[in-house]
PDB file of N, CA and C in Angstrom:
ATOM      1  N   MET A   1      31.324 -15.214  33.449  1.00  0.00           N
ATOM      2  CA  MET A   1      29.988 -14.708  33.253  1.00  0.00           C
ATOM      3  C   MET A   1      29.779 -14.510  31.755  1.00  0.00           C
ATOM      4  N   THR A   2      28.711 -15.051  31.231  1.00  0.00           N
ATOM      5  CA  THR A   2      28.411 -14.933  29.808  1.00  0.00           C
ATOM      6  C   THR A   2      27.302 -13.913  29.588  1.00  0.00           C
ATOM      7  N   THR A   3      27.370 -13.310  28.467  1.00  0.00           N
ATOM      8  CA  THR A   3      26.294 -12.374  28.109  1.00  0.00           C
ATOM      9  C   THR A   3      25.503 -12.996  26.963  1.00  0.00           C
ATOM     10  N   ASP A   4      24.280 -13.312  27.247  1.00  0.00           N
ATOM     11  CA  ASP A   4      23.409 -13.886  26.221  1.00  0.00           C
ATOM     12  C   ASP A   4      22.702 -12.749  25.484  1.00  0.00           C
ATOM     13  N   ASP A   5      22.790 -12.820  24.191  1.00  0.00           N
ATOM     14  CA  ASP A   5      22.126 -11.811  23.366  1.00  0.00           C
ATOM     15  C   ASP A   5      20.819 -12.411  22.868  1.00  0.00           C
ATOM     16  N   PHE A   6      19.707 -11.907  23.384  1.00  0.00           N
ATOM     17  CA  PHE A   6      18.405 -12.439  23.011  1.00  0.00           C
ATOM     18  C   PHE A   6      17.764 -11.659  21.866  1.00  0.00           C
ATOM     19  N   SER A   7      18.492 -10.749  21.282  1.00  0.00           N
ATOM     20  CA  SER A   7      17.918 -10.004  20.165  1.00  0.00           C
ATOM     21  C   SER A   7      17.915 -10.879  18.919  1.00  0.00           C
ATOM     22  N   PHE A   8      17.037 -10.560  18.027  1.00  0.00           N
ATOM     23  CA  PHE A   8      16.963 -11.322  16.791  1.00  0.00           C
ATOM     24  C   PHE A   8      16.760 -10.350  15.638  1.00  0.00           C
ATOM     25  N   ALA A   9      17.141 -10.777  14.491  1.00  0.00           N
ATOM     26  CA  ALA A   9      17.002  -9.943  13.302  1.00  0.00           C
ATOM     27  C   ALA A   9      15.665 -10.242  12.638  1.00  0.00           C
ATOM     28  N   LEU A  10      15.046  -9.205  12.146  1.00  0.00           N
ATOM     29  CA  LEU A  10      13.808  -9.384  11.410  1.00  0.00           C
ATOM     30  C   LEU A  10      14.101 -10.099  10.098  1.00  0.00           C
ATOM     31  N   PRO A  11      13.153 -10.874   9.610  1.00  0.00           N
ATOM     32  CA  PRO A  11      13.394 -11.528   8.327  1.00  0.00           C
ATOM     33  C   PRO A  11      13.530 -10.480   7.225  1.00  0.00           C
ATOM     34  N   PRO A  12      14.289 -10.777   6.197  1.00  0.00           N
ATOM     35  CA  PRO A  12      14.468  -9.796   5.129  1.00  0.00           C
ATOM     36  C   PRO A  12      13.143  -9.524   4.417  1.00  0.00           C
ATOM     37  N   PHE A  13      12.956  -8.289   3.993  1.00  0.00           N
ATOM     38  CA  PHE A  13      11.744  -7.894   3.285  1.00  0.00           C
ATOM     39  C   PHE A  13      11.808  -8.422   1.857  1.00  0.00           C
ATOM     40  N   LYS A  14      10.773  -9.107   1.443  1.00  0.00           N
ATOM     41  CA  LYS A  14      10.698  -9.664   0.094  1.00  0.00           C
ATOM     42  C   LYS A  14       9.594  -8.929  -0.660  1.00  0.00           C
ATOM     43  N   PRO A  15       9.964  -7.912  -1.433  1.00  0.00           N
ATOM     44  CA  PRO A  15       8.947  -7.089  -2.086  1.00  0.00           C
ATOM     45  C   PRO A  15       8.073  -7.859  -3.070  1.00  0.00           C
ATOM     46  N   ASP A  16       8.615  -8.872  -3.735  1.00  0.00           N
ATOM     47  CA  ASP A  16       7.806  -9.620  -4.703  1.00  0.00           C
ATOM     48  C   ASP A  16       6.681 -10.397  -4.010  1.00  0.00           C
ATOM     49  N   GLU A  17       6.926 -10.885  -2.810  1.00  0.00           N
ATOM     50  CA  GLU A  17       5.879 -11.572  -2.047  1.00  0.00           C
ATOM     51  C   GLU A  17       4.932 -10.565  -1.402  1.00  0.00           C
ATOM     52  N   ALA A  18       5.470  -9.456  -0.944  1.00  0.00           N
ATOM     53  CA  ALA A  18       4.658  -8.449  -0.265  1.00  0.00           C
ATOM     54  C   ALA A  18       3.678  -7.772  -1.221  1.00  0.00           C
ATOM     55  N   ILE A  19       4.075  -7.566  -2.479  1.00  0.00           N
ATOM     56  CA  ILE A  19       3.173  -6.887  -3.412  1.00  0.00           C
ATOM     57  C   ILE A  19       1.971  -7.771  -3.752  1.00  0.00           C
ATOM     58  N   VAL A  20       2.168  -9.085  -3.744  1.00  0.00           N
ATOM     59  CA  VAL A  20       1.045 -10.009  -3.987  1.00  0.00           C
ATOM     60  C   VAL A  20       0.016  -9.871  -2.868  1.00  0.00           C
ATOM     61  N   LYS A  21       0.494  -9.867  -1.623  1.00  0.00           N
ATOM     62  CA  LYS A  21      -0.410  -9.718  -0.473  1.00  0.00           C
ATOM     63  C   LYS A  21      -1.053  -8.334  -0.472  1.00  0.00           C
ATOM     64  N   LEU A  22      -0.295  -7.300  -0.806  1.00  0.00           N
ATOM     65  CA  LEU A  22      -0.837  -5.942  -0.836  1.00  0.00           C
ATOM     66  C   LEU A  22      -1.950  -5.833  -1.871  1.00  0.00           C
ATOM     67  N   ARG A  23      -1.732  -6.368  -3.070  1.00  0.00           N
ATOM     68  CA  ARG A  23      -2.776  -6.347  -4.103  1.00  0.00           C
ATOM     69  C   ARG A  23      -4.028  -7.071  -3.629  1.00  0.00           C
ATOM     70  N   ARG A  24      -3.841  -8.220  -2.973  1.00  0.00           N
ATOM     71  CA  ARG A  24      -4.983  -8.973  -2.468  1.00  0.00           C
ATOM     72  C   ARG A  24      -5.743  -8.166  -1.420  1.00  0.00           C
ATOM     73  N   ASP A  25      -5.010  -7.549  -0.494  1.00  0.00           N
ATOM     74  CA  ASP A  25      -5.653  -6.750   0.550  1.00  0.00           C
ATOM     75  C   ASP A  25      -6.410  -5.558  -0.045  1.00  0.00           C
ATOM     76  N   LEU A  26      -5.828  -4.908  -1.043  1.00  0.00           N
ATOM     77  CA  LEU A  26      -6.501  -3.759  -1.656  1.00  0.00           C
ATOM     78  C   LEU A  26      -7.723  -4.198  -2.467  1.00  0.00           C
ATOM     79  N   ARG A  27      -7.649  -5.362  -3.108  1.00  0.00           N
ATOM     80  CA  ARG A  27      -8.808  -5.878  -3.859  1.00  0.00           C
ATOM     81  C   ARG A  27      -9.985  -6.147  -2.937  1.00  0.00           C
ATOM     82  N   GLU A  28      -9.695  -6.526  -1.692  1.00  0.00           N
ATOM     83  CA  GLU A  28     -10.757  -6.846  -0.737  1.00  0.00           C
ATOM     84  C   GLU A  28     -11.447  -5.606  -0.186  1.00  0.00           C
ATOM     85  N   LEU A  29     -10.840  -4.442  -0.347  1.00  0.00           N
ATOM     86  CA  LEU A  29     -11.467  -3.220   0.139  1.00  0.00           C
ATOM     87  C   LEU A  29     -12.650  -2.865  -0.753  1.00  0.00           C
ATOM     88  N   ARG A  30     -13.780  -2.588  -0.152  1.00  0.00           N
ATOM     89  CA  ARG A  30     -14.971  -2.234  -0.928  1.00  0.00           C
ATOM     90  C   ARG A  30     -14.780  -0.879  -1.585  1.00  0.00           C
ATOM     91  N   GLY A  31     -15.083  -0.838  -2.867  1.00  0.00           N
ATOM     92  CA  GLY A  31     -14.995   0.413  -3.596  1.00  0.00           C
ATOM     93  C   GLY A  31     -13.815   0.490  -4.537  1.00  0.00           C
ATOM     94  N   LEU A  32     -12.793  -0.335  -4.316  1.00  0.00           N
ATOM     95  CA  LEU A  32     -11.628  -0.317  -5.197  1.00  0.00           C
ATOM     96  C   LEU A  32     -11.762  -1.383  -6.278  1.00  0.00           C
ATOM     97  N   THR A  33     -11.346  -1.035  -7.490  1.00  0.00           N
ATOM     98  CA  THR A  33     -11.341  -1.952  -8.620  1.00  0.00           C
ATOM     99  C   THR A  33      -9.910  -2.091  -9.119  1.00  0.00           C
ATOM    100  N   ALA A  34      -9.440  -3.319  -9.244  1.00  0.00           N
ATOM    101  CA  ALA A  34      -8.071  -3.570  -9.706  1.00  0.00           C
ATOM    102  C   ALA A  34      -7.989  -3.404 -11.211  1.00  0.00           C
ATOM    103  N   ARG A  35      -6.948  -2.692 -11.678  1.00  0.00           N
ATOM    104  CA  ARG A  35      -6.651  -2.513 -13.094  1.00  0.00           C
ATOM    105  C   ARG A  35      -5.155  -2.693 -13.292  1.00  0.00           C
ATOM    106  N   GLY A  36      -4.693  -3.930 -13.423  1.00  0.00           N
ATOM    107  CA  GLY A  36      -3.262  -4.184 -13.566  1.00  0.00           C
ATOM    108  C   GLY A  36      -2.533  -3.842 -12.275  1.00  0.00           C
ATOM    109  N   ASP A  37      -1.589  -2.913 -12.357  1.00  0.00           N
ATOM    110  CA  ASP A  37      -0.848  -2.474 -11.171  1.00  0.00           C
ATOM    111  C   ASP A  37      -1.469  -1.262 -10.507  1.00  0.00           C
ATOM    112  N   SER A  38      -2.677  -0.893 -10.913  1.00  0.00           N
ATOM    113  CA  SER A  38      -3.336   0.254 -10.308  1.00  0.00           C
ATOM    114  C   SER A  38      -4.706  -0.157  -9.779  1.00  0.00           C
ATOM    115  N   PHE A  39      -5.259   0.715  -8.964  1.00  0.00           N
ATOM    116  CA  PHE A  39      -6.594   0.510  -8.414  1.00  0.00           C
ATOM    117  C   PHE A  39      -7.391   1.776  -8.637  1.00  0.00           C
ATOM    118  N   GLU A  40      -8.672   1.595  -8.965  1.00  0.00           N
ATOM    119  CA  GLU A  40      -9.543   2.729  -9.252  1.00  0.00           C
ATOM    120  C   GLU A  40     -10.667   2.802  -8.227  1.00  0.00           C
ATOM    121  N   TYR A  41     -11.138   4.023  -8.024  1.00  0.00           N
ATOM    122  CA  TYR A  41     -12.294   4.279  -7.184  1.00  0.00           C
ATOM    123  C   TYR A  41     -13.272   5.080  -8.025  1.00  0.00           C
ATOM    124  N   ARG A  42     -14.388   4.462  -8.354  1.00  0.00           N
ATOM    125  CA  ARG A  42     -15.423   5.092  -9.175  1.00  0.00           C
ATOM    126  C   ARG A  42     -14.872   5.663 -10.481  1.00  0.00           C
ATOM    127  N   GLY A  43     -14.020   4.866 -11.128  1.00  0.00           N
ATOM    128  CA  GLY A  43     -13.483   5.245 -12.430  1.00  0.00           C
ATOM    129  C   GLY A  43     -12.259   6.134 -12.408  1.00  0.00           C
ATOM    130  N   HIS A  44     -11.815   6.555 -11.236  1.00  0.00           N
ATOM    131  CA  HIS A  44     -10.626   7.408 -11.111  1.00  0.00           C
ATOM    132  C   HIS A  44      -9.478   6.594 -10.517  1.00  0.00           C
ATOM    133  N   PRO A  45      -8.295   6.617 -11.131  1.00  0.00           N
ATOM    134  CA  PRO A  45      -7.155   5.906 -10.529  1.00  0.00           C
ATOM    135  C   PRO A  45      -6.775   6.545  -9.195  1.00  0.00           C
ATOM    136  N   VAL A  46      -6.598   5.711  -8.169  1.00  0.00           N
ATOM    137  CA  VAL A  46      -6.280   6.238  -6.840  1.00  0.00           C
ATOM    138  C   VAL A  46      -5.040   5.604  -6.222  1.00  0.00           C
ATOM    139  N   VAL A  47      -4.628   4.422  -6.690  1.00  0.00           N
ATOM    140  CA  VAL A  47      -3.434   3.748  -6.163  1.00  0.00           C
ATOM    141  C   VAL A  47      -2.656   3.162  -7.332  1.00  0.00           C
ATOM    142  N   LEU A  48      -1.348   3.412  -7.368  1.00  0.00           N
ATOM    143  CA  LEU A  48      -0.447   2.821  -8.357  1.00  0.00           C
ATOM    144  C   LEU A  48       0.661   2.099  -7.607  1.00  0.00           C
ATOM    145  N   LEU A  49       0.958   0.861  -8.004  1.00  0.00           N
ATOM    146  CA  LEU A  49       2.001   0.066  -7.357  1.00  0.00           C
ATOM    147  C   LEU A  49       3.072  -0.294  -8.369  1.00  0.00           C
ATOM    148  N   THR A  50       4.332  -0.145  -7.965  1.00  0.00           N
ATOM    149  CA  THR A  50       5.468  -0.501  -8.804  1.00  0.00           C
ATOM    150  C   THR A  50       6.442  -1.317  -7.968  1.00  0.00           C
ATOM    151  N   LEU A  51       6.864  -2.441  -8.507  1.00  0.00           N
ATOM    152  CA  LEU A  51       7.820  -3.296  -7.803  1.00  0.00           C
ATOM    153  C   LEU A  51       9.237  -2.873  -8.158  1.00  0.00           C
ATOM    154  N   GLU A  52      10.049  -2.635  -7.132  1.00  0.00           N
ATOM    155  CA  GLU A  52      11.463  -2.322  -7.300  1.00  0.00           C
ATOM    156  C   GLU A  52      12.262  -3.447  -6.640  1.00  0.00           C
ATOM    157  N   PRO A  53      13.562  -3.548  -6.913  1.00  0.00           N
ATOM    158  CA  PRO A  53      14.342  -4.666  -6.360  1.00  0.00           C
ATOM    159  C   PRO A  53      14.328  -4.762  -4.841  1.00  0.00           C
ATOM    160  N   ASP A  54      14.312  -3.627  -4.139  1.00  0.00           N
ATOM    161  CA  ASP A  54      14.394  -3.674  -2.684  1.00  0.00           C
ATOM    162  C   ASP A  54      13.162  -3.144  -1.968  1.00  0.00           C
ATOM    163  N   CYS A  55      12.134  -2.692  -2.710  1.00  0.00           N
ATOM    164  CA  CYS A  55      10.955  -2.125  -2.079  1.00  0.00           C
ATOM    165  C   CYS A  55       9.780  -2.118  -3.060  1.00  0.00           C
ATOM    166  N   ILE A  56       8.651  -1.638  -2.560  1.00  0.00           N
ATOM    167  CA  ILE A  56       7.477  -1.403  -3.395  1.00  0.00           C
ATOM    168  C   ILE A  56       7.294   0.113  -3.438  1.00  0.00           C
ATOM    169  N   ARG A  57       7.157   0.661  -4.615  1.00  0.00           N
ATOM    170  CA  ARG A  57       6.884   2.092  -4.767  1.00  0.00           C
ATOM    171  C   ARG A  57       5.375   2.224  -4.949  1.00  0.00           C
ATOM    172  N   ALA A  58       4.725   2.931  -4.039  1.00  0.00           N
ATOM    173  CA  ALA A  58       3.278   3.093  -4.074  1.00  0.00           C
ATOM    174  C   ALA A  58       2.932   4.571  -4.177  1.00  0.00           C
ATOM    175  N   LYS A  59       1.943   4.854  -5.003  1.00  0.00           N
ATOM    176  CA  LYS A  59       1.426   6.209  -5.121  1.00  0.00           C
ATOM    177  C   LYS A  59      -0.053   6.170  -4.788  1.00  0.00           C
ATOM    178  N   VAL A  60      -0.498   7.145  -4.021  1.00  0.00           N
ATOM    179  CA  VAL A  60      -1.901   7.230  -3.636  1.00  0.00           C
ATOM    180  C   VAL A  60      -2.346   8.686  -3.773  1.00  0.00           C
ATOM    181  N   VAL A  61      -3.604   8.900  -4.139  1.00  0.00           N
ATOM    182  CA  VAL A  61      -4.108  10.253  -4.326  1.00  0.00           C
ATOM    183  C   VAL A  61      -4.697  10.778  -3.021  1.00  0.00           C
ATOM    184  N   GLU A  62      -4.684  12.109  -2.895  1.00  0.00           N
ATOM    185  CA  GLU A  62      -5.344  12.717  -1.743  1.00  0.00           C
ATOM    186  C   GLU A  62      -6.855  12.571  -1.878  1.00  0.00           C
ATOM    187  N   ARG A  63      -7.355  12.875  -3.084  1.00  0.00           N
ATOM    188  CA  ARG A  63      -8.773  12.762  -3.395  1.00  0.00           C
ATOM    189  C   ARG A  63      -8.920  12.283  -4.835  1.00  0.00           C
ATOM    190  N   PRO A  64      -9.920  11.456  -5.119  1.00  0.00           N
ATOM    191  CA  PRO A  64     -10.143  11.037  -6.504  1.00  0.00           C
ATOM    192  C   PRO A  64     -10.529  12.241  -7.361  1.00  0.00           C
ATOM    193  N   ALA A  65      -9.884  12.405  -8.501  1.00  0.00           N
ATOM    194  CA  ALA A  65     -10.164  13.523  -9.403  1.00  0.00           C
ATOM    195  C   ALA A  65      -9.606  13.199 -10.776  1.00  0.00           C
ATOM    196  N   ARG A  66      -9.995  14.001 -11.759  1.00  0.00           N
ATOM    197  CA  ARG A  66      -9.455  13.796 -13.114  1.00  0.00           C
ATOM    198  C   ARG A  66      -7.956  14.090 -13.161  1.00  0.00           C
ATOM    199  N   THR A  67      -7.513  15.104 -12.455  1.00  0.00           N
ATOM    200  CA  THR A  67      -6.080  15.427 -12.355  1.00  0.00           C
ATOM    201  C   THR A  67      -5.704  15.418 -10.874  1.00  0.00           C
ATOM    202  N   PRO A  68      -5.455  14.222 -10.325  1.00  0.00           N
ATOM    203  CA  PRO A  68      -5.210  14.108  -8.884  1.00  0.00           C
ATOM    204  C   PRO A  68      -3.794  14.521  -8.495  1.00  0.00           C
ATOM    205  N   HIS A  69      -3.649  14.819  -7.209  1.00  0.00           N
ATOM    206  CA  HIS A  69      -2.336  15.066  -6.615  1.00  0.00           C
ATOM    207  C   HIS A  69      -1.872  13.748  -5.996  1.00  0.00           C
ATOM    208  N   TRP A  70      -0.747  13.213  -6.486  1.00  0.00           N
ATOM    209  CA  TRP A  70      -0.236  11.922  -6.040  1.00  0.00           C
ATOM    210  C   TRP A  70       0.772  12.081  -4.909  1.00  0.00           C
ATOM    211  N   GLU A  71       0.672  11.209  -3.929  1.00  0.00           N
ATOM    212  CA  GLU A  71       1.663  11.118  -2.856  1.00  0.00           C
ATOM    213  C   GLU A  71       2.488   9.860  -3.108  1.00  0.00           C
ATOM    214  N   ASP A  72       3.788   9.994  -3.119  1.00  0.00           N
ATOM    215  CA  ASP A  72       4.691   8.872  -3.381  1.00  0.00           C
ATOM    216  C   ASP A  72       5.127   8.253  -2.061  1.00  0.00           C
ATOM    217  N   ARG A  73       5.082   6.927  -1.976  1.00  0.00           N
ATOM    218  CA  ARG A  73       5.505   6.208  -0.776  1.00  0.00           C
ATOM    219  C   ARG A  73       6.487   5.118  -1.151  1.00  0.00           C
ATOM    220  N   ARG A  74       7.420   4.879  -0.282  1.00  0.00           N
ATOM    221  CA  ARG A  74       8.378   3.781  -0.444  1.00  0.00           C
ATOM    222  C   ARG A  74       8.084   2.775   0.655  1.00  0.00           C
ATOM    223  N   LEU A  75       7.647   1.579   0.282  1.00  0.00           N
ATOM    224  CA  LEU A  75       7.305   0.538   1.236  1.00  0.00           C
ATOM    225  C   LEU A  75       8.460  -0.463   1.273  1.00  0.00           C
ATOM    226  N   ALA A  76       9.227  -0.419   2.361  1.00  0.00           N
ATOM    227  CA  ALA A  76      10.432  -1.240   2.450  1.00  0.00           C
ATOM    228  C   ALA A  76      10.393  -2.237   3.594  1.00  0.00           C
ATOM    229  N   SER A  77       9.225  -2.409   4.218  1.00  0.00           N
ATOM    230  CA  SER A  77       9.091  -3.386   5.293  1.00  0.00           C
ATOM    231  C   SER A  77       7.632  -3.811   5.391  1.00  0.00           C
ATOM    232  N   GLY A  78       7.401  -4.866   6.114  1.00  0.00           N
ATOM    233  CA  GLY A  78       6.036  -5.325   6.323  1.00  0.00           C
ATOM    234  C   GLY A  78       5.198  -4.292   7.057  1.00  0.00           C
ATOM    235  N   ALA A  79       5.815  -3.579   7.983  1.00  0.00           N
ATOM    236  CA  ALA A  79       5.101  -2.539   8.724  1.00  0.00           C
ATOM    237  C   ALA A  79       4.674  -1.407   7.789  1.00  0.00           C
ATOM    238  N   ASP A  80       5.548  -1.034   6.845  1.00  0.00           N
ATOM    239  CA  ASP A  80       5.195   0.003   5.875  1.00  0.00           C
ATOM    240  C   ASP A  80       3.990  -0.423   5.031  1.00  0.00           C
ATOM    241  N   VAL A  81       3.965  -1.685   4.636  1.00  0.00           N
ATOM    242  CA  VAL A  81       2.866  -2.199   3.812  1.00  0.00           C
ATOM    243  C   VAL A  81       1.565  -2.176   4.613  1.00  0.00           C
ATOM    244  N   ARG A  82       1.609  -2.586   5.874  1.00  0.00           N
ATOM    245  CA  ARG A  82       0.402  -2.559   6.714  1.00  0.00           C
ATOM    246  C   ARG A  82      -0.083  -1.142   6.937  1.00  0.00           C
ATOM    247  N   ARG A  83       0.834  -0.208   7.193  1.00  0.00           N
ATOM    248  CA  ARG A  83       0.449   1.194   7.370  1.00  0.00           C
ATOM    249  C   ARG A  83      -0.197   1.761   6.111  1.00  0.00           C
ATOM    250  N   PHE A  84       0.373   1.416   4.952  1.00  0.00           N
ATOM    251  CA  PHE A  84      -0.170   1.890   3.686  1.00  0.00           C
ATOM    252  C   PHE A  84      -1.587   1.356   3.468  1.00  0.00           C
ATOM    253  N   THR A  85      -1.794   0.074   3.738  1.00  0.00           N
ATOM    254  CA  THR A  85      -3.119  -0.520   3.577  1.00  0.00           C
ATOM    255  C   THR A  85      -4.131   0.162   4.485  1.00  0.00           C
ATOM    256  N   GLU A  86      -3.761   0.416   5.725  1.00  0.00           N
ATOM    257  CA  GLU A  86      -4.667   1.108   6.654  1.00  0.00           C
ATOM    258  C   GLU A  86      -4.947   2.538   6.197  1.00  0.00           C
ATOM    259  N   ASP A  87      -3.933   3.205   5.662  1.00  0.00           N
ATOM    260  CA  ASP A  87      -4.118   4.564   5.162  1.00  0.00           C
ATOM    261  C   ASP A  87      -5.113   4.580   4.002  1.00  0.00           C
ATOM    262  N   VAL A  88      -4.993   3.636   3.084  1.00  0.00           N
ATOM    263  CA  VAL A  88      -5.931   3.554   1.958  1.00  0.00           C
ATOM    264  C   VAL A  88      -7.331   3.264   2.483  1.00  0.00           C
ATOM    265  N   ARG A  89      -7.446   2.395   3.464  1.00  0.00           N
ATOM    266  CA  ARG A  89      -8.757   2.078   4.050  1.00  0.00           C
ATOM    267  C   ARG A  89      -9.404   3.329   4.665  1.00  0.00           C
ATOM    268  N   ARG A  90      -8.623   4.129   5.387  1.00  0.00           N
ATOM    269  CA  ARG A  90      -9.156   5.364   5.981  1.00  0.00           C
ATOM    270  C   ARG A  90      -9.571   6.360   4.910  1.00  0.00           C
ATOM    271  N   ARG A  91      -8.764   6.471   3.850  1.00  0.00           N
ATOM    272  CA  ARG A  91      -9.104   7.385   2.758  1.00  0.00           C
ATOM    273  C   ARG A  91     -10.399   6.964   2.078  1.00  0.00           C
ATOM    274  N   LEU A  92     -10.564   5.664   1.846  1.00  0.00           N
ATOM    275  CA  LEU A  92     -11.807   5.178   1.236  1.00  0.00           C
ATOM    276  C   LEU A  92     -13.014   5.530   2.097  1.00  0.00           C
ATOM    277  N   ALA A  93     -12.891   5.342   3.388  1.00  0.00           N
ATOM    278  CA  ALA A  93     -13.992   5.688   4.297  1.00  0.00           C
ATOM    279  C   ALA A  93     -14.298   7.176   4.219  1.00  0.00           C
ATOM    280  N   ARG A  94     -13.262   8.002   4.184  1.00  0.00           N
ATOM    281  CA  ARG A  94     -13.459   9.460   4.101  1.00  0.00           C
ATOM    282  C   ARG A  94     -14.106   9.841   2.774  1.00  0.00           C
ATOM    283  N   TRP A  95     -13.653   9.223   1.666  1.00  0.00           N
ATOM    284  CA  TRP A  95     -14.227   9.536   0.355  1.00  0.00           C
ATOM    285  C   TRP A  95     -15.698   9.130   0.290  1.00  0.00           C
ATOM    286  N   ASN A  96     -16.048   7.985   0.913  1.00  0.00           N
ATOM    287  CA  ASN A  96     -17.444   7.544   0.931  1.00  0.00           C
ATOM    288  C   ASN A  96     -18.316   8.476   1.760  1.00  0.00           C
ATOM    289  N   GLU A  97     -17.768   9.005   2.857  1.00  0.00           N
ATOM    290  CA  GLU A  97     -18.520   9.938   3.693  1.00  0.00           C
ATOM    291  C   GLU A  97     -18.747  11.272   2.988  1.00  0.00           C
ATOM    292  N   ASP A  98     -17.750  11.707   2.220  1.00  0.00           N
ATOM    293  CA  ASP A  98     -17.840  13.002   1.540  1.00  0.00           C
ATOM    294  C   ASP A  98     -18.866  13.003   0.420  1.00  0.00           C
ATOM    295  N   GLU A  99     -19.195  11.828  -0.116  1.00  0.00           N
ATOM    296  CA  GLU A  99     -20.125  11.798  -1.252  1.00  0.00           C
ATOM    297  C   GLU A  99     -21.523  11.511  -0.837  1.00  0.00           C
TER     298      GLU A  99
END
């Protein structure tokens, strides 16, 4: 009797390729303006991206302000990148509603 293992390994995370897609996705969001490795909302920096060897380091603000409070995130998989993009999208919607 043989035991077949049908599990498979996920492809390795390639942060250099993922950051290109992440930047593109964030550029497509209405209200964000790309400035190098950062994105601004109405003149205030709200997202900062840094490429590391094994992940993407992302910082996002709770609310746009002159002295914002930054939340640090480590994006080490495709799922993390998708969650981060959705989180930024929800924050943008909330910021637009508040104004």
